[in-house]
Amino acid sequence: MSFANVLLVDDEKSFLEIMEKRLGTRDLEVTTAESGAGALDELGRNNEIDVVILDVKMPGMDGLETLKAIRSDFPLVEVIMLTGHGTIETAIEGMKKGAFDYLLKPCDIEQLVGLVRKAKDKKSAHEEKIMQAHMKEITGRMI
């Protein structure tokens, strides 16, 4: 069983294929998308996704636009942004807009997996708080 379900989003197909294999050997369930719009479609279809690993620079809907849509439509899903050297400012902007963290490409796979673990833990903690609030609400009505 995987410890996290990850959606990997990048417009470079070869990067997606390599990273999907590398992450898959580290107890991650990996789904891929080649665009921001594709990522949102996948999130709409698959409510099991915990963490999105999102490239900043993509044609069409870029990483920041995609991040904004994820934060709006899927607020519990955590987002780790991947960026090349020329877009560090954009990644920092992403952090301000709700990304969990960012890494520079090419990234160290163990560092990325560590971030995925932390992001998944954060999501799980939020889900637990929501569950407790619902339980409190339900039991409060029963008294």
C-alpha atoms as a PDB file:
ATOM      1  CA  MET A   1       0.000   0.000   0.000  1.00  0.00           C
ATOM      2  CA  SER A   2       1.256   3.475  -0.830  1.00  0.00           C
ATOM      3  CA  PHE A   3       1.742   6.124   1.824  1.00  0.00           C
ATOM      4  CA  ALA A   4       0.522   8.861  -0.538  1.00  0.00           C
ATOM      5  CA  ASN A   5      -1.296   9.363  -3.814  1.00  0.00           C
ATOM      6  CA  VAL A   6       0.582  11.876  -5.940  1.00  0.00           C
ATOM      7  CA  LEU A   7      -0.374  13.756  -9.079  1.00  0.00           C
ATOM      8  CA  LEU A   8       2.730  14.731 -11.050  1.00  0.00           C
ATOM      9  CA  VAL A   9       2.111  17.625 -13.458  1.00  0.00           C
ATOM     10  CA  ASP A  10       4.653  18.642 -16.110  1.00  0.00           C
ATOM     11  CA  ASP A  11       4.488  19.397 -19.832  1.00  0.00           C
ATOM     12  CA  GLU A  12       7.687  17.395 -20.511  1.00  0.00           C
ATOM     13  CA  LYS A  13       6.535  13.837 -21.225  1.00  0.00           C
ATOM     14  CA  SER A  14       9.995  12.280 -20.737  1.00  0.00           C
ATOM     15  CA  PHE A  15      10.317  13.959 -17.313  1.00  0.00           C
ATOM     16  CA  LEU A  16       6.895  12.610 -16.322  1.00  0.00           C
ATOM     17  CA  GLU A  17       7.803   9.066 -17.359  1.00  0.00           C
ATOM     18  CA  ILE A  18      11.126   9.057 -15.490  1.00  0.00           C
ATOM     19  CA  MET A  19       9.699  10.640 -12.334  1.00  0.00           C
ATOM     20  CA  GLU A  20       6.646   8.375 -12.350  1.00  0.00           C
ATOM     21  CA  LYS A  21       8.960   5.325 -12.280  1.00  0.00           C
ATOM     22  CA  ARG A  22      11.313   6.807  -9.665  1.00  0.00           C
ATOM     23  CA  LEU A  23       8.499   7.861  -7.339  1.00  0.00           C
ATOM     24  CA  GLY A  24       6.588   4.627  -7.887  1.00  0.00           C
ATOM     25  CA  THR A  25       9.477   2.626  -6.440  1.00  0.00           C
ATOM     26  CA  ARG A  26       9.197   4.673  -3.218  1.00  0.00           C
ATOM     27  CA  ASP A  27       5.718   3.626  -2.042  1.00  0.00           C
ATOM     28  CA  LEU A  28       3.898   6.372  -3.905  1.00  0.00           C
ATOM     29  CA  GLU A  29       0.849   5.891  -6.098  1.00  0.00           C
ATOM     30  CA  VAL A  30       1.607   8.204  -9.029  1.00  0.00           C
ATOM     31  CA  THR A  31      -0.799   9.676 -11.567  1.00  0.00           C
ATOM     32  CA  THR A  32       0.411  12.110 -14.221  1.00  0.00           C
ATOM     33  CA  ALA A  33      -0.963  15.059 -16.170  1.00  0.00           C
ATOM     34  CA  GLU A  34       0.740  17.054 -18.940  1.00  0.00           C
ATOM     35  CA  SER A  35      -0.998  20.391 -18.285  1.00  0.00           C
ATOM     36  CA  GLY A  36      -2.687  22.483 -15.638  1.00  0.00           C
ATOM     37  CA  ALA A  37      -6.097  21.785 -17.159  1.00  0.00           C
ATOM     38  CA  GLY A  38      -5.294  18.064 -17.224  1.00  0.00           C
ATOM     39  CA  ALA A  39      -4.330  18.229 -13.548  1.00  0.00           C
ATOM     40  CA  LEU A  40      -7.655  19.822 -12.613  1.00  0.00           C
ATOM     41  CA  ASP A  41      -9.536  17.181 -14.637  1.00  0.00           C
ATOM     42  CA  GLU A  42      -7.631  14.419 -12.836  1.00  0.00           C
ATOM     43  CA  LEU A  43      -8.294  15.966  -9.411  1.00  0.00           C
ATOM     44  CA  GLY A  44     -11.983  16.131 -10.300  1.00  0.00           C
ATOM     45  CA  ARG A  45     -11.996  12.429 -11.204  1.00  0.00           C
ATOM     46  CA  ASN A  46      -9.755  11.132  -8.425  1.00  0.00           C
ATOM     47  CA  ASN A  47     -10.538  12.213  -4.865  1.00  0.00           C
ATOM     48  CA  GLU A  48      -7.735   9.982  -3.514  1.00  0.00           C
ATOM     49  CA  ILE A  49      -4.952  12.412  -4.528  1.00  0.00           C
ATOM     50  CA  ASP A  50      -3.071  13.782  -1.517  1.00  0.00           C
ATOM     51  CA  VAL A  51      -0.247  15.808  -3.058  1.00  0.00           C
ATOM     52  CA  VAL A  52       0.294  17.516  -6.411  1.00  0.00           C
ATOM     53  CA  ILE A  53       3.864  17.956  -7.665  1.00  0.00           C
ATOM     54  CA  LEU A  54       3.437  20.856 -10.047  1.00  0.00           C
ATOM     55  CA  ASP A  55       5.807  22.333 -12.616  1.00  0.00           C
ATOM     56  CA  VAL A  56       5.802  26.141 -12.524  1.00  0.00           C
ATOM     57  CA  LYS A  57       6.522  26.789 -16.196  1.00  0.00           C
ATOM     58  CA  MET A  58       4.010  25.184 -18.565  1.00  0.00           C
ATOM     59  CA  PRO A  59       2.336  26.424 -21.734  1.00  0.00           C
ATOM     60  CA  GLY A  60      -1.292  27.469 -21.439  1.00  0.00           C
ATOM     61  CA  MET A  61      -2.291  27.342 -17.787  1.00  0.00           C
ATOM     62  CA  ASP A  62       0.980  27.817 -15.884  1.00  0.00           C
ATOM     63  CA  GLY A  63       1.822  26.521 -12.421  1.00  0.00           C
ATOM     64  CA  LEU A  64       0.593  29.592 -10.521  1.00  0.00           C
ATOM     65  CA  GLU A  65      -2.778  29.577 -12.297  1.00  0.00           C
ATOM     66  CA  THR A  66      -3.082  25.844 -11.658  1.00  0.00           C
ATOM     67  CA  LEU A  67      -2.143  26.318  -7.995  1.00  0.00           C
ATOM     68  CA  LYS A  68      -4.826  28.996  -7.610  1.00  0.00           C
ATOM     69  CA  ALA A  69      -7.471  26.674  -9.080  1.00  0.00           C
ATOM     70  CA  ILE A  70      -6.351  23.742  -6.880  1.00  0.00           C
ATOM     71  CA  ARG A  71      -6.463  25.922  -3.748  1.00  0.00           C
ATOM     72  CA  SER A  72      -9.962  27.070  -4.715  1.00  0.00           C
ATOM     73  CA  ASP A  73     -11.500  23.742  -5.804  1.00  0.00           C
ATOM     74  CA  PHE A  74      -9.472  21.178  -3.805  1.00  0.00           C
ATOM     75  CA  PRO A  75      -8.336  23.041  -0.669  1.00  0.00           C
ATOM     76  CA  LEU A  76      -7.092  19.982   1.236  1.00  0.00           C
ATOM     77  CA  VAL A  77      -4.753  18.822  -1.540  1.00  0.00           C
ATOM     78  CA  GLU A  78      -1.178  19.965  -0.881  1.00  0.00           C
ATOM     79  CA  VAL A  79       0.970  21.315  -3.729  1.00  0.00           C
ATOM     80  CA  ILE A  80       4.747  21.088  -4.130  1.00  0.00           C
ATOM     81  CA  MET A  81       6.054  23.300  -6.918  1.00  0.00           C
ATOM     82  CA  LEU A  82       8.998  22.322  -9.134  1.00  0.00           C
ATOM     83  CA  THR A  83      10.904  25.075 -10.845  1.00  0.00           C
ATOM     84  CA  GLY A  84      13.923  25.742 -13.009  1.00  0.00           C
ATOM     85  CA  HIS A  85      16.464  28.340 -11.911  1.00  0.00           C
ATOM     86  CA  GLY A  86      14.840  31.139 -13.895  1.00  0.00           C
ATOM     87  CA  THR A  87      11.525  30.858 -12.095  1.00  0.00           C
ATOM     88  CA  ILE A  88      12.521  30.813  -8.409  1.00  0.00           C
ATOM     89  CA  GLU A  89      10.625  34.072  -7.847  1.00  0.00           C
ATOM     90  CA  THR A  90       7.530  32.422  -9.278  1.00  0.00           C
ATOM     91  CA  ALA A  91       7.922  29.461  -6.921  1.00  0.00           C
ATOM     92  CA  ILE A  92       8.244  31.816  -3.955  1.00  0.00           C
ATOM     93  CA  GLU A  93       5.101  33.574  -5.186  1.00  0.00           C
ATOM     94  CA  GLY A  94       3.480  30.131  -5.202  1.00  0.00           C
ATOM     95  CA  MET A  95       4.410  29.662  -1.546  1.00  0.00           C
ATOM     96  CA  LYS A  96       2.675  32.951  -0.761  1.00  0.00           C
ATOM     97  CA  LYS A  97      -0.394  31.651  -2.597  1.00  0.00           C
ATOM     98  CA  GLY A  98      -0.611  28.419  -0.643  1.00  0.00           C
ATOM     99  CA  ALA A  99       1.910  25.935  -2.060  1.00  0.00           C
ATOM    100  CA  PHE A 100       3.314  23.577   0.574  1.00  0.00           C
ATOM    101  CA  ASP A 101       6.900  24.025  -0.654  1.00  0.00           C
ATOM    102  CA  TYR A 102       9.032  24.180  -3.793  1.00  0.00           C
ATOM    103  CA  LEU A 103      12.127  22.483  -5.163  1.00  0.00           C
ATOM    104  CA  LEU A 104      14.522  23.357  -7.955  1.00  0.00           C
ATOM    105  CA  LYS A 105      14.793  21.066 -10.981  1.00  0.00           C
ATOM    106  CA  PRO A 106      16.527  18.736 -11.180  1.00  0.00           C
ATOM    107  CA  CYS A 107      15.524  17.828  -7.642  1.00  0.00           C
ATOM    108  CA  ASP A 108      16.935  15.229  -5.287  1.00  0.00           C
ATOM    109  CA  ILE A 109      14.423  12.362  -5.295  1.00  0.00           C
ATOM    110  CA  GLU A 110      14.801  11.646  -1.560  1.00  0.00           C
ATOM    111  CA  GLN A 111      14.247  15.311  -0.729  1.00  0.00           C
ATOM    112  CA  LEU A 112      11.112  15.308  -2.901  1.00  0.00           C
ATOM    113  CA  VAL A 113       9.794  12.130  -1.264  1.00  0.00           C
ATOM    114  CA  GLY A 114      10.452  13.684   2.163  1.00  0.00           C
ATOM    115  CA  LEU A 115       8.410  16.741   1.170  1.00  0.00           C
ATOM    116  CA  VAL A 116       5.609  14.522  -0.135  1.00  0.00           C
ATOM    117  CA  ARG A 117       5.559  12.724   3.239  1.00  0.00           C
ATOM    118  CA  LYS A 118       5.332  16.031   5.148  1.00  0.00           C
ATOM    119  CA  ALA A 119       2.639  17.356   2.794  1.00  0.00           C
ATOM    120  CA  LYS A 120       0.614  14.144   3.178  1.00  0.00           C
ATOM    121  CA  ASP A 121       0.917  14.395   6.984  1.00  0.00           C
ATOM    122  CA  LYS A 122      -0.365  17.978   6.849  1.00  0.00           C
ATOM    123  CA  LYS A 123      -3.320  16.940   4.686  1.00  0.00           C
ATOM    124  CA  SER A 124      -4.113  14.030   7.021  1.00  0.00           C
ATOM    125  CA  ALA A 125      -4.027  16.343  10.049  1.00  0.00           C
ATOM    126  CA  HIS A 126      -6.479  18.727   8.352  1.00  0.00           C
ATOM    127  CA  GLU A 127      -8.784  15.840   7.431  1.00  0.00           C
ATOM    128  CA  GLU A 128      -8.678  14.584  11.032  1.00  0.00           C
ATOM    129  CA  LYS A 129      -9.631  18.034  12.384  1.00  0.00           C
ATOM    130  CA  ILE A 130     -12.541  18.232   9.950  1.00  0.00           C
ATOM    131  CA  MET A 131     -13.690  14.737  10.956  1.00  0.00           C
ATOM    132  CA  GLN A 132     -13.526  15.659  14.650  1.00  0.00           C
ATOM    133  CA  ALA A 133     -15.521  18.835  14.022  1.00  0.00           C
ATOM    134  CA  HIS A 134     -18.197  16.818  12.189  1.00  0.00           C
ATOM    135  CA  MET A 135     -18.343  14.274  15.002  1.00  0.00           C
ATOM    136  CA  LYS A 136     -18.654  17.032  17.586  1.00  0.00           C
ATOM    137  CA  GLU A 137     -21.456  18.592  15.555  1.00  0.00           C
ATOM    138  CA  ILE A 138     -23.288  15.253  15.230  1.00  0.00           C
ATOM    139  CA  THR A 139     -22.932  14.269  18.891  1.00  0.00           C
ATOM    140  CA  GLY A 140     -23.910  17.796  19.969  1.00  0.00           C
ATOM    141  CA  ARG A 141     -27.231  17.431  18.124  1.00  0.00           C
ATOM    142  CA  MET A 142     -27.909  14.083  19.793  1.00  0.00           C
ATOM    143  CA  ILE A 143     -27.742  15.442  23.338  1.00  0.00           C
END
